[in-house]
Amino acid sequence: MIKRQIFESLRAAAISRGFWVARAGKAEAASELVEVIKSARATAALRRFGAAGDGGYLLPDDLEGIAALFSPGVSTICEFDLEFAERGIDVYMADASVNAPPINHPKFHFSEKFIDTYISATTTTMSAWLEETGMAATSEDLVLQMDIECAEYRVFASIPDTILRRFRIIVVEIHNLDQIFSDFSAQTILGTFKRLSQFFNIVHIHPNNIDPLFKIGNFEVYPTMEFTLYRKDRPVSSGAASLPNPLDADCVVGKPTAVLPAIWTRLGAALGPATNLHYAAL
């Protein structure tokens, strides 16, 4: 009881200063996350789509037969989307933070809404979005490029398997990976990657250098990382390609380059003593 009172006092003091104190989980969650991601790693020939820096991504050059790109999270950059449009592929964009994409193109179809888990004046779901575009009634393959500032976890959880499997390629920026040590967040992060690994191989990982490396024991991760997922029915080689890829580029110019730590790049690399770390609960 006394420990609980101390914890609540510390949390109240932290909140008043703009910080949040949460109960920490066990380090095993970090080890499990590494293993889930490494088990899904595979190699595919990649090329860069989009900008030379932020907003550019490495994807398999396998767009033959792709009916549309779905691109939630437009902001002010759309070179990636433009490259798809120039190939004659319809691009469906959604973002309530802007009134329109920064570039016009006949293949661009814009919705001033956020993609989320419910429908409102400013939000819609992935299922409803596909219905509105007419793509739900087809069986053609799609591509998903998603950067929606932490909403990716709940959006992925809300997409039915039948729709998720429609995407031949997914490139997504995953945020808050350092929260794997939060007891509350660990299961959300793990659950997301476990579900995605049922249907997709991970063919590329690129850390965003916007934040510094987070480290506890032998566990190292960049809080924000870009993942390229390639549906398991597509051709890949076993194992994982070396990282970084020569086509990678810094997301933020002027900040140190983010180099993916060895635990993510080498299959079989272990966390070692970090897996024995436990956190005492107050």
Protein backbone atom coordinates (compact mmCIF):
# COMPACT_ATOMS: atom_id res chain seq x y z
CA MET A 1 0.00 0.00 0.00
CA ILE A 2 2.84 2.36 0.90
CA LYS A 3 4.64 1.53 -2.36
CA ARG A 4 1.44 2.28 -4.27
CA GLN A 5 1.11 5.66 -2.54
CA ILE A 6 4.72 6.52 -3.36
CA PHE A 7 4.16 5.53 -6.98
CA GLU A 8 1.03 7.66 -7.29
CA SER A 9 2.79 10.63 -5.70
CA LEU A 10 5.65 10.32 -8.16
CA ARG A 11 3.22 10.01 -11.05
CA ALA A 12 1.25 13.08 -9.96
CA ALA A 13 4.46 15.09 -9.70
CA ALA A 14 5.56 13.93 -13.14
CA ILE A 15 2.20 14.78 -14.75
CA SER A 16 2.39 18.33 -13.40
CA ARG A 17 5.69 18.68 -15.27
CA GLY A 18 4.43 17.20 -18.51
CA PHE A 19 5.69 13.64 -18.03
CA TRP A 20 3.94 10.30 -17.57
CA VAL A 21 5.20 7.53 -15.30
CA ALA A 22 3.98 4.02 -16.11
CA ARG A 23 4.57 0.55 -14.78
CA ALA A 24 7.43 -1.16 -16.61
CA GLY A 25 7.14 -4.65 -18.00
CA LYS A 26 9.72 -7.39 -18.29
CA ALA A 27 12.61 -7.39 -20.73
CA GLU A 28 11.37 -10.66 -22.22
CA ALA A 29 8.94 -8.61 -24.31
CA ALA A 30 11.87 -6.89 -26.05
CA SER A 31 13.53 -10.22 -26.73
CA GLU A 32 10.27 -11.63 -28.11
CA LEU A 33 9.81 -8.61 -30.39
CA VAL A 34 13.28 -9.11 -31.86
CA GLU A 35 12.60 -12.79 -32.48
CA VAL A 36 9.20 -12.16 -34.09
CA ILE A 37 10.68 -9.62 -36.48
CA LYS A 38 13.77 -11.69 -37.29
CA SER A 39 11.66 -14.77 -37.99
CA ALA A 40 9.74 -12.80 -40.63
CA ARG A 41 12.86 -11.43 -42.35
CA ALA A 42 13.42 -12.31 -46.02
CA THR A 43 15.29 -10.94 -49.01
CA ALA A 44 13.80 -9.37 -52.13
CA ALA A 45 15.19 -7.11 -54.82
CA LEU A 46 14.28 -3.55 -53.83
CA ARG A 47 14.21 -0.15 -55.47
CA ARG A 48 13.60 3.29 -54.03
CA PHE A 49 10.28 4.99 -54.65
CA GLY A 50 9.70 8.64 -53.85
CA ALA A 51 11.99 11.30 -52.42
CA ALA A 52 15.70 10.91 -51.80
CA GLY A 53 15.12 11.54 -48.08
CA ASP A 54 12.00 11.64 -45.92
CA GLY A 55 8.99 10.31 -47.79
CA GLY A 56 11.00 7.87 -49.89
CA TYR A 57 10.82 4.12 -49.27
CA LEU A 58 12.39 0.88 -50.49
CA LEU A 59 9.90 -1.54 -52.04
CA PRO A 60 10.04 -4.65 -54.21
CA ASP A 61 9.72 -3.56 -57.84
CA ASP A 62 6.60 -5.69 -58.22
CA LEU A 63 3.80 -3.36 -59.23
CA GLU A 64 2.47 -5.25 -62.25
CA GLY A 65 -1.25 -5.78 -61.68
CA ILE A 66 -1.49 -3.37 -58.74
CA ALA A 67 -4.88 -1.65 -58.91
CA ALA A 68 -4.29 1.15 -56.42
CA LEU A 69 -2.08 2.67 -53.77
CA PHE A 70 -3.74 3.56 -50.47
CA SER A 71 -1.80 6.29 -48.73
CA PRO A 72 -3.09 7.51 -45.36
CA GLY A 73 -0.98 10.31 -43.91
CA VAL A 74 -0.28 12.81 -46.69
CA SER A 75 1.05 15.90 -44.93
CA THR A 76 3.12 18.02 -47.35
CA ILE A 77 5.12 15.27 -49.11
CA CYS A 78 3.76 13.09 -51.90
CA GLU A 79 6.65 12.23 -54.24
CA PHE A 80 6.09 8.56 -53.40
CA ASP A 81 2.42 8.81 -54.37
CA LEU A 82 3.29 10.73 -57.52
CA GLU A 83 5.59 7.96 -58.74
CA PHE A 84 2.69 5.49 -58.53
CA ALA A 85 0.33 7.93 -60.28
CA GLU A 86 2.85 8.43 -63.10
CA ARG A 87 2.75 4.66 -63.64
CA GLY A 88 -1.01 4.92 -64.20
CA ILE A 89 -1.95 3.56 -60.76
CA ASP A 90 -4.83 5.19 -58.87
CA VAL A 91 -3.69 6.75 -55.59
CA TYR A 92 -6.17 7.11 -52.74
CA MET A 93 -4.94 9.58 -50.13
CA ALA A 94 -6.44 10.45 -46.74
CA ASP A 95 -5.42 13.05 -44.18
CA ALA A 96 -7.57 15.47 -42.16
CA SER A 97 -4.55 17.63 -41.28
CA VAL A 98 -4.38 19.10 -44.81
CA ASN A 99 -6.98 20.37 -47.27
CA ALA A 100 -5.43 18.71 -50.31
CA PRO A 101 -2.22 17.01 -51.44
CA PRO A 102 0.62 19.43 -52.29
CA ILE A 103 0.63 18.24 -55.94
CA ASN A 104 -2.30 17.70 -58.28
CA HIS A 105 -2.55 14.65 -60.52
CA PRO A 106 -5.52 13.04 -62.34
CA LYS A 107 -4.80 9.76 -60.55
CA PHE A 108 -4.93 11.35 -57.08
CA HIS A 109 -8.15 10.84 -55.10
CA PHE A 110 -8.08 12.71 -51.79
CA SER A 111 -10.24 12.33 -48.68
CA GLU A 112 -9.94 14.92 -45.93
CA LYS A 113 -10.19 12.32 -43.17
CA PHE A 114 -7.94 10.42 -40.81
CA ILE A 115 -7.89 6.63 -41.05
CA ASP A 116 -8.85 5.24 -37.65
CA THR A 117 -11.05 2.60 -36.03
CA TYR A 118 -14.36 4.50 -36.20
CA ILE A 119 -16.36 6.66 -38.58
CA SER A 120 -17.04 10.32 -37.86
CA ALA A 121 -16.94 13.70 -39.59
CA THR A 122 -13.13 13.60 -39.61
CA THR A 123 -12.35 9.86 -39.52
CA THR A 124 -13.07 6.69 -41.42
CA THR A 125 -11.96 3.07 -41.24
CA MET A 126 -9.86 1.15 -43.72
CA SER A 127 -12.84 -1.07 -44.55
CA ALA A 128 -15.14 1.90 -45.16
CA TRP A 129 -12.46 3.63 -47.20
CA LEU A 130 -12.14 0.66 -49.55
CA GLU A 131 -15.92 0.55 -49.87
CA GLU A 132 -16.05 4.26 -50.76
CA THR A 133 -13.39 3.87 -53.43
CA GLY A 134 -15.01 0.81 -54.96
CA MET A 135 -11.92 -1.30 -54.28
CA ALA A 136 -13.70 -3.53 -51.76
CA ALA A 137 -15.71 -5.09 -54.59
CA THR A 138 -12.60 -6.15 -56.53
CA SER A 139 -9.98 -8.83 -55.93
CA GLU A 140 -7.03 -6.94 -57.39
CA ASP A 141 -3.84 -6.45 -55.40
CA LEU A 142 -3.16 -3.15 -53.64
CA VAL A 143 -0.26 -1.33 -51.99
CA LEU A 144 -0.48 0.41 -48.63
CA GLN A 145 1.87 3.20 -47.55
CA MET A 146 1.06 4.40 -44.05
CA ASP A 147 2.57 7.04 -41.78
CA ILE A 148 -0.14 7.99 -39.31
CA GLU A 149 1.80 8.91 -36.17
CA CYS A 150 1.17 5.99 -33.77
CA ALA A 151 -2.37 5.23 -35.00
CA GLU A 152 -0.91 2.35 -37.05
CA TYR A 153 -1.27 -0.08 -34.14
CA ARG A 154 -5.02 0.32 -33.72
CA VAL A 155 -5.62 0.62 -37.47
CA PHE A 156 -3.81 -2.65 -38.19
CA ALA A 157 -5.81 -4.32 -35.40
CA SER A 158 -9.07 -3.14 -37.00
CA ILE A 159 -8.39 -4.31 -40.58
CA PRO A 160 -10.08 -7.64 -41.37
CA ASP A 161 -7.83 -10.43 -42.66
CA THR A 162 -9.62 -10.41 -46.00
CA ILE A 163 -8.65 -6.78 -46.56
CA LEU A 164 -5.17 -7.06 -45.07
CA ARG A 165 -4.34 -9.85 -47.53
CA ARG A 166 -5.33 -7.60 -50.44
CA PHE A 167 -2.13 -5.62 -49.94
CA ARG A 168 0.76 -7.11 -51.88
CA ILE A 169 3.16 -4.61 -50.33
CA ILE A 170 2.89 -2.55 -47.16
CA VAL A 171 5.37 0.12 -46.20
CA VAL A 172 4.66 1.55 -42.77
CA GLU A 173 6.40 3.80 -40.29
CA ILE A 174 6.08 2.21 -36.86
CA HIS A 175 6.39 4.58 -33.91
CA ASN A 176 7.18 4.25 -30.19
CA LEU A 177 9.08 0.98 -30.42
CA ASP A 178 10.93 1.99 -27.26
CA GLN A 179 7.60 1.55 -25.48
CA ILE A 180 8.14 -2.22 -25.61
CA PHE A 181 9.28 -1.83 -22.00
CA SER A 182 5.90 -0.42 -20.99
CA ASP A 183 3.72 -3.14 -19.53
CA PHE A 184 0.66 -1.61 -21.22
CA SER A 185 2.23 -1.08 -24.66
CA ALA A 186 4.21 -4.30 -25.00
CA GLN A 187 1.26 -6.49 -25.93
CA THR A 188 0.01 -3.97 -28.50
CA ILE A 189 3.39 -3.80 -30.21
CA LEU A 190 3.94 -7.55 -30.09
CA GLY A 191 0.39 -8.28 -31.23
CA THR A 192 0.79 -6.02 -34.25
CA PHE A 193 3.97 -7.70 -35.47
CA LYS A 194 2.71 -11.22 -34.72
CA ARG A 195 -0.40 -10.61 -36.82
CA LEU A 196 1.47 -8.99 -39.70
CA SER A 197 4.02 -11.81 -39.77
CA GLN A 198 1.20 -14.28 -40.46
CA PHE A 199 0.73 -12.81 -43.93
CA PHE A 200 3.90 -10.88 -44.74
CA ASN A 201 7.65 -11.19 -44.89
CA ILE A 202 9.73 -8.24 -43.73
CA VAL A 203 12.05 -7.39 -46.62
CA HIS A 204 13.44 -4.10 -45.33
CA ILE A 205 13.88 -2.15 -42.10
CA HIS A 206 15.04 1.46 -42.02
CA PRO A 207 15.42 3.40 -38.75
CA ASN A 208 14.27 7.02 -38.75
CA ASN A 209 17.05 9.26 -37.42
CA ILE A 210 14.61 11.79 -35.99
CA ASP A 211 15.18 10.31 -32.51
CA PRO A 212 18.38 9.00 -30.88
CA LEU A 213 19.02 5.32 -30.24
CA PHE A 214 17.19 3.89 -27.22
CA LYS A 215 19.16 1.32 -25.23
CA ILE A 216 18.53 -0.86 -22.19
CA GLY A 217 21.10 -3.55 -21.53
CA ASN A 218 21.83 -5.25 -24.86
CA PHE A 219 18.54 -4.14 -26.37
CA GLU A 220 18.87 -1.27 -28.83
CA VAL A 221 16.14 0.23 -30.98
CA TYR A 222 15.30 3.45 -32.74
CA PRO A 223 11.85 4.58 -31.53
CA THR A 224 10.61 5.07 -35.11
CA MET A 225 11.44 2.60 -37.89
CA GLU A 226 10.13 2.01 -41.42
CA PHE A 227 9.18 -1.54 -42.37
CA THR A 228 8.58 -2.91 -45.86
CA LEU A 229 6.26 -5.92 -45.80
CA TYR A 230 5.86 -8.25 -48.77
CA ARG A 231 2.98 -10.73 -48.92
CA LYS A 232 4.09 -14.31 -48.43
CA ASP A 233 2.83 -15.55 -51.79
CA ARG A 234 5.39 -13.33 -53.56
CA PRO A 235 8.91 -14.61 -54.39
CA VAL A 236 11.64 -13.99 -51.80
CA SER A 237 14.95 -15.54 -50.81
CA SER A 238 15.49 -17.15 -47.43
CA GLY A 239 17.38 -15.20 -44.79
CA ALA A 240 17.73 -11.46 -44.67
CA ALA A 241 19.67 -8.96 -46.75
CA SER A 242 22.40 -6.96 -45.07
CA LEU A 243 21.41 -3.57 -43.71
CA PRO A 244 21.67 -0.71 -44.36
CA ASN A 245 20.74 -0.94 -48.02
CA PRO A 246 22.80 1.30 -50.34
CA LEU A 247 19.53 2.98 -51.37
CA ASP A 248 18.71 4.06 -47.81
CA ALA A 249 18.80 7.77 -47.00
CA ASP A 250 18.48 9.79 -43.80
CA CYS A 251 14.96 10.95 -42.98
CA VAL A 252 16.22 14.12 -41.26
CA VAL A 253 19.08 16.01 -42.85
CA GLY A 254 21.67 17.28 -40.39
CA LYS A 255 21.09 14.63 -37.73
CA PRO A 256 23.40 11.63 -37.26
CA THR A 257 22.62 8.69 -39.52
CA ALA A 258 20.65 5.96 -37.76
CA VAL A 259 22.36 2.58 -38.14
CA LEU A 260 20.23 -0.42 -37.30
CA PRO A 261 21.79 -2.28 -34.32
CA ALA A 262 23.18 -5.78 -34.81
CA ILE A 263 20.33 -7.50 -32.94
CA TRP A 264 18.03 -6.57 -35.84
CA THR A 265 20.44 -7.19 -38.70
CA ARG A 266 21.89 -10.60 -37.85
CA LEU A 267 19.65 -13.62 -37.79
CA GLY A 268 20.30 -15.53 -34.61
CA ALA A 269 21.85 -12.55 -32.79
CA ALA A 270 20.82 -12.75 -29.15
CA LEU A 271 20.04 -10.07 -26.60
CA GLY A 272 22.16 -11.85 -24.03
CA PRO A 273 22.03 -10.47 -20.47
CA ALA A 274 19.31 -7.98 -21.36
CA THR A 275 16.79 -10.82 -21.42
CA ASN A 276 17.45 -11.36 -17.74
CA LEU A 277 16.45 -7.84 -16.79
CA HIS A 278 13.30 -7.57 -14.72
CA TYR A 279 11.65 -4.45 -13.41
CA ALA A 280 10.30 -4.30 -9.89
CA ALA A 281 6.65 -3.26 -9.80
CA LEU A 282 5.74 -0.66 -7.23
